[in-house]
Amino acid sequence: QLRTMVRSRSVTPCASDDDLNASTSSFKANPMPDFSRTFVPKHDKSRLTEPAPFVLKSDARGSEKEKEFAAKLDKQLREEEEARNVKANPIRHSFDMNHSHSSHHEPRPLT
């Protein structure tokens, strides 16, 4: 025999109508609430809670990176400004500028 067949034979008999009526007669509902009065909660004078701000390491790293980036930009701008202001060395002549050089060569006649 199968085990399911054995289990199916041992069915408990149903409860009778008298048992159902006895169990339902012992039920008693709570009374309905009175809605004629309106409920107004009391106002509490205590201060509201102010949460403390979060302290995150990522915020500290971010502000550090911003400072480094600002310093890098300032340095780059200073270098560009210095590159624009060129300080060239003057040309040093080995001869006198006021001296006439016409004696060295004479102009050729035009033909």
Foldseek 3Di string as FASTA:
>chain_A
DDPVVVVVVPDDDDDDPVVVVVVVVVDDDDDDDDPPDDDDDDDDPDDDDDDDDDDDPVVVVVVVVVVVVVVVVVVVVVVVVVVVDDDDDDDDDPDDPPDDPCVVDPDDDDD
